[in-house]
Amino acid sequence: MTPIVENLAQAFDAYTQAWRSPFRSESRRDEVRIVEYAPFPRTSPEPTPRIGFTRDLSPSGMCIGSDRAEPVGALLRVVLRADDGQSERPFIDRVVWCQPTDDGRFWIGLERVTAP
C-alpha cells in the first residue's frame, strides 16, 4: 500500500472510530445483489471493476462474496446494482475482515465509510 493510500485509510479509520459502536446493533437483510467494486483511491488503470455479490446488507455495511481476497483496512469504491440492473450511486467501504471459503472464493465484510 502506498503511503498516500495508507494515510487516507488511517484518516477514514480515525473518523469512523468516533461513532462506531463496539457491538453490532442493527439487523442485517439477507439479500443477494450484484456488486461492482474497485480499490479507492484508484492508483492504477485497472480496465474493469471487480465483481461480487452480496450475502447480507445493513445500513452500516455488507458482506460480499468475491473471487479475490481484499486486505483488511483497504478502502473500496462500491456500486450496488438494483433489481433492474441499474447502478446505484457509489460509496466507499472499508474491508473489516476477509475469510476464504472451501470453494476458493472469499467472504468479505465491509463497513460503510460514506453514504450513497
C-alpha atoms as a PDB file:
ATOM      1  CA  MET A   1       0.000   0.000   0.000  1.00  0.00           C
ATOM      2  CA  THR A   2       1.409   3.403  -0.914  1.00  0.00           C
ATOM      3  CA  PRO A   3       1.948   5.959   1.864  1.00  0.00           C
ATOM      4  CA  ILE A   4      -0.801   8.215   0.468  1.00  0.00           C
ATOM      5  CA  VAL A   5      -3.353   5.385   0.376  1.00  0.00           C
ATOM      6  CA  GLU A   6      -2.284   4.188   3.830  1.00  0.00           C
ATOM      7  CA  ASN A   7      -2.633   7.703   5.277  1.00  0.00           C
ATOM      8  CA  LEU A   8      -6.078   8.073   3.686  1.00  0.00           C
ATOM      9  CA  ALA A   9      -7.176   4.722   5.117  1.00  0.00           C
ATOM     10  CA  GLN A  10      -5.957   5.762   8.583  1.00  0.00           C
ATOM     11  CA  ALA A  11      -7.779   9.096   8.319  1.00  0.00           C
ATOM     12  CA  PHE A  12     -11.041   7.338   7.426  1.00  0.00           C
ATOM     13  CA  ASP A  13     -10.444   4.888  10.268  1.00  0.00           C
ATOM     14  CA  ALA A  14      -9.947   7.692  12.794  1.00  0.00           C
ATOM     15  CA  TYR A  15     -13.115   9.405  11.543  1.00  0.00           C
ATOM     16  CA  THR A  16     -15.312   6.308  11.756  1.00  0.00           C
ATOM     17  CA  GLN A  17     -13.903   5.167  15.128  1.00  0.00           C
ATOM     18  CA  ALA A  18     -15.537   8.239  16.686  1.00  0.00           C
ATOM     19  CA  TRP A  19     -19.061   6.921  16.127  1.00  0.00           C
ATOM     20  CA  ARG A  20     -18.591   3.132  15.889  1.00  0.00           C
ATOM     21  CA  SER A  21     -20.422   1.023  18.463  1.00  0.00           C
ATOM     22  CA  PRO A  22     -18.427  -1.872  19.945  1.00  0.00           C
ATOM     23  CA  PHE A  23     -21.377  -4.182  19.182  1.00  0.00           C
ATOM     24  CA  ARG A  24     -23.432  -4.659  16.035  1.00  0.00           C
ATOM     25  CA  SER A  25     -26.814  -3.194  16.986  1.00  0.00           C
ATOM     26  CA  GLU A  26     -28.601  -3.259  13.654  1.00  0.00           C
ATOM     27  CA  SER A  27     -30.217  -6.109  11.818  1.00  0.00           C
ATOM     28  CA  ARG A  28     -28.935  -7.475   8.526  1.00  0.00           C
ATOM     29  CA  ARG A  29     -31.070  -8.228   5.480  1.00  0.00           C
ATOM     30  CA  ASP A  30     -30.280 -11.416   3.607  1.00  0.00           C
ATOM     31  CA  GLU A  31     -30.218 -10.046   0.080  1.00  0.00           C
ATOM     32  CA  VAL A  32     -28.299 -11.139  -2.991  1.00  0.00           C
ATOM     33  CA  ARG A  33     -27.315  -8.298  -5.335  1.00  0.00           C
ATOM     34  CA  ILE A  34     -24.533  -7.775  -7.831  1.00  0.00           C
ATOM     35  CA  VAL A  35     -21.683  -5.558  -6.573  1.00  0.00           C
ATOM     36  CA  GLU A  36     -19.007  -3.803  -8.611  1.00  0.00           C
ATOM     37  CA  TYR A  37     -16.013  -2.604  -6.632  1.00  0.00           C
ATOM     38  CA  ALA A  38     -12.528  -1.225  -7.097  1.00  0.00           C
ATOM     39  CA  PRO A  39      -9.735  -0.054  -4.801  1.00  0.00           C
ATOM     40  CA  PHE A  40     -10.059   3.544  -3.607  1.00  0.00           C
ATOM     41  CA  PRO A  41      -8.420   5.825  -4.407  1.00  0.00           C
ATOM     42  CA  ARG A  42      -7.667   4.498  -7.842  1.00  0.00           C
ATOM     43  CA  THR A  43      -3.920   4.007  -8.136  1.00  0.00           C
ATOM     44  CA  SER A  44      -3.666   2.076 -11.402  1.00  0.00           C
ATOM     45  CA  PRO A  45      -5.613   1.919 -14.662  1.00  0.00           C
ATOM     46  CA  GLU A  46      -7.475  -1.324 -13.946  1.00  0.00           C
ATOM     47  CA  PRO A  47      -9.643  -1.967 -17.041  1.00  0.00           C
ATOM     48  CA  THR A  48     -12.751  -3.354 -15.338  1.00  0.00           C
ATOM     49  CA  PRO A  49     -14.216  -3.258 -11.843  1.00  0.00           C
ATOM     50  CA  ARG A  50     -14.167  -6.375  -9.727  1.00  0.00           C
ATOM     51  CA  ILE A  51     -17.498  -8.199  -9.477  1.00  0.00           C
ATOM     52  CA  GLY A  52     -19.025  -9.818  -6.411  1.00  0.00           C
ATOM     53  CA  PHE A  53     -22.407 -10.436  -4.834  1.00  0.00           C
ATOM     54  CA  THR A  54     -23.929  -9.535  -1.503  1.00  0.00           C
ATOM     55  CA  ARG A  55     -24.766 -12.097   1.160  1.00  0.00           C
ATOM     56  CA  ASP A  56     -26.362  -9.575   3.517  1.00  0.00           C
ATOM     57  CA  LEU A  57     -26.810  -5.820   3.845  1.00  0.00           C
ATOM     58  CA  SER A  58     -27.247  -3.391   6.722  1.00  0.00           C
ATOM     59  CA  PRO A  59     -27.239   0.410   6.975  1.00  0.00           C
ATOM     60  CA  SER A  60     -23.575   0.364   8.060  1.00  0.00           C
ATOM     61  CA  GLY A  61     -22.149  -2.263   5.718  1.00  0.00           C
ATOM     62  CA  MET A  62     -22.458  -5.588   3.955  1.00  0.00           C
ATOM     63  CA  CYS A  63     -20.899  -8.958   3.381  1.00  0.00           C
ATOM     64  CA  ILE A  64     -19.926  -9.795  -0.181  1.00  0.00           C
ATOM     65  CA  GLY A  65     -18.661 -12.888  -1.930  1.00  0.00           C
ATOM     66  CA  SER A  66     -15.779 -12.491  -4.376  1.00  0.00           C
ATOM     67  CA  ASP A  67     -13.151 -14.442  -6.291  1.00  0.00           C
ATOM     68  CA  ARG A  68     -10.441 -12.169  -4.856  1.00  0.00           C
ATOM     69  CA  ALA A  69      -9.223 -11.606  -1.338  1.00  0.00           C
ATOM     70  CA  GLU A  70      -9.041  -7.993  -0.214  1.00  0.00           C
ATOM     71  CA  PRO A  71      -6.675  -6.761   2.511  1.00  0.00           C
ATOM     72  CA  VAL A  72      -8.215  -5.774   5.839  1.00  0.00           C
ATOM     73  CA  GLY A  73      -8.294  -1.979   6.100  1.00  0.00           C
ATOM     74  CA  ALA A  74      -8.416  -1.440   2.331  1.00  0.00           C
ATOM     75  CA  LEU A  75     -10.871   1.136   1.016  1.00  0.00           C
ATOM     76  CA  LEU A  76     -13.160   0.118  -1.859  1.00  0.00           C
ATOM     77  CA  ARG A  77     -15.394   2.172  -4.135  1.00  0.00           C
ATOM     78  CA  VAL A  78     -18.577   0.069  -4.193  1.00  0.00           C
ATOM     79  CA  VAL A  79     -21.546   0.206  -6.562  1.00  0.00           C
ATOM     80  CA  LEU A  80     -24.615  -1.949  -5.952  1.00  0.00           C
ATOM     81  CA  ARG A  81     -26.811  -2.991  -8.852  1.00  0.00           C
ATOM     82  CA  ALA A  82     -30.564  -2.526  -8.392  1.00  0.00           C
ATOM     83  CA  ASP A  83     -33.022  -5.311  -9.210  1.00  0.00           C
ATOM     84  CA  ASP A  84     -33.462  -3.873 -12.701  1.00  0.00           C
ATOM     85  CA  GLY A  85     -29.681  -3.899 -13.311  1.00  0.00           C
ATOM     86  CA  GLN A  86     -29.223  -0.141 -12.969  1.00  0.00           C
ATOM     87  CA  SER A  87     -26.246   1.103 -10.953  1.00  0.00           C
ATOM     88  CA  GLU A  88     -26.888   2.885  -7.701  1.00  0.00           C
ATOM     89  CA  ARG A  89     -24.687   5.756  -6.546  1.00  0.00           C
ATOM     90  CA  PRO A  90     -21.196   4.676  -5.473  1.00  0.00           C
ATOM     91  CA  PHE A  91     -19.987   4.784  -1.902  1.00  0.00           C
ATOM     92  CA  ILE A  92     -16.762   3.992  -0.058  1.00  0.00           C
ATOM     93  CA  ASP A  93     -16.470   0.956   2.239  1.00  0.00           C
ATOM     94  CA  ARG A  94     -13.591  -0.373   4.335  1.00  0.00           C
ATOM     95  CA  VAL A  95     -12.675  -4.067   4.443  1.00  0.00           C
ATOM     96  CA  VAL A  96     -13.177  -5.202   8.053  1.00  0.00           C
ATOM     97  CA  TRP A  97     -12.493  -8.911   7.524  1.00  0.00           C
ATOM     98  CA  CYS A  98     -11.854 -11.375   4.708  1.00  0.00           C
ATOM     99  CA  GLN A  99     -12.276 -15.139   5.039  1.00  0.00           C
ATOM    100  CA  PRO A 100     -11.586 -17.866   2.465  1.00  0.00           C
ATOM    101  CA  THR A 101     -14.276 -20.442   1.694  1.00  0.00           C
ATOM    102  CA  ASP A 102     -13.930 -24.113   0.810  1.00  0.00           C
ATOM    103  CA  ASP A 103     -14.581 -23.419  -2.886  1.00  0.00           C
ATOM    104  CA  GLY A 104     -11.697 -20.937  -3.247  1.00  0.00           C
ATOM    105  CA  ARG A 105     -13.809 -17.782  -3.024  1.00  0.00           C
ATOM    106  CA  PHE A 106     -13.808 -15.223  -0.218  1.00  0.00           C
ATOM    107  CA  TRP A 107     -16.387 -13.659   2.091  1.00  0.00           C
ATOM    108  CA  ILE A 108     -15.525 -10.011   2.684  1.00  0.00           C
ATOM    109  CA  GLY A 109     -17.028  -7.912   5.489  1.00  0.00           C
ATOM    110  CA  LEU A 110     -17.382  -4.244   4.537  1.00  0.00           C
ATOM    111  CA  GLU A 111     -18.062  -1.243   6.747  1.00  0.00           C
ATOM    112  CA  ARG A 112     -19.676   1.858   5.244  1.00  0.00           C
ATOM    113  CA  VAL A 113     -17.431   4.923   5.295  1.00  0.00           C
ATOM    114  CA  THR A 114     -19.523   7.274   3.120  1.00  0.00           C
ATOM    115  CA  ALA A 115     -23.249   7.461   2.430  1.00  0.00           C
ATOM    116  CA  PRO A 116     -24.527   6.702  -1.086  1.00  0.00           C
END
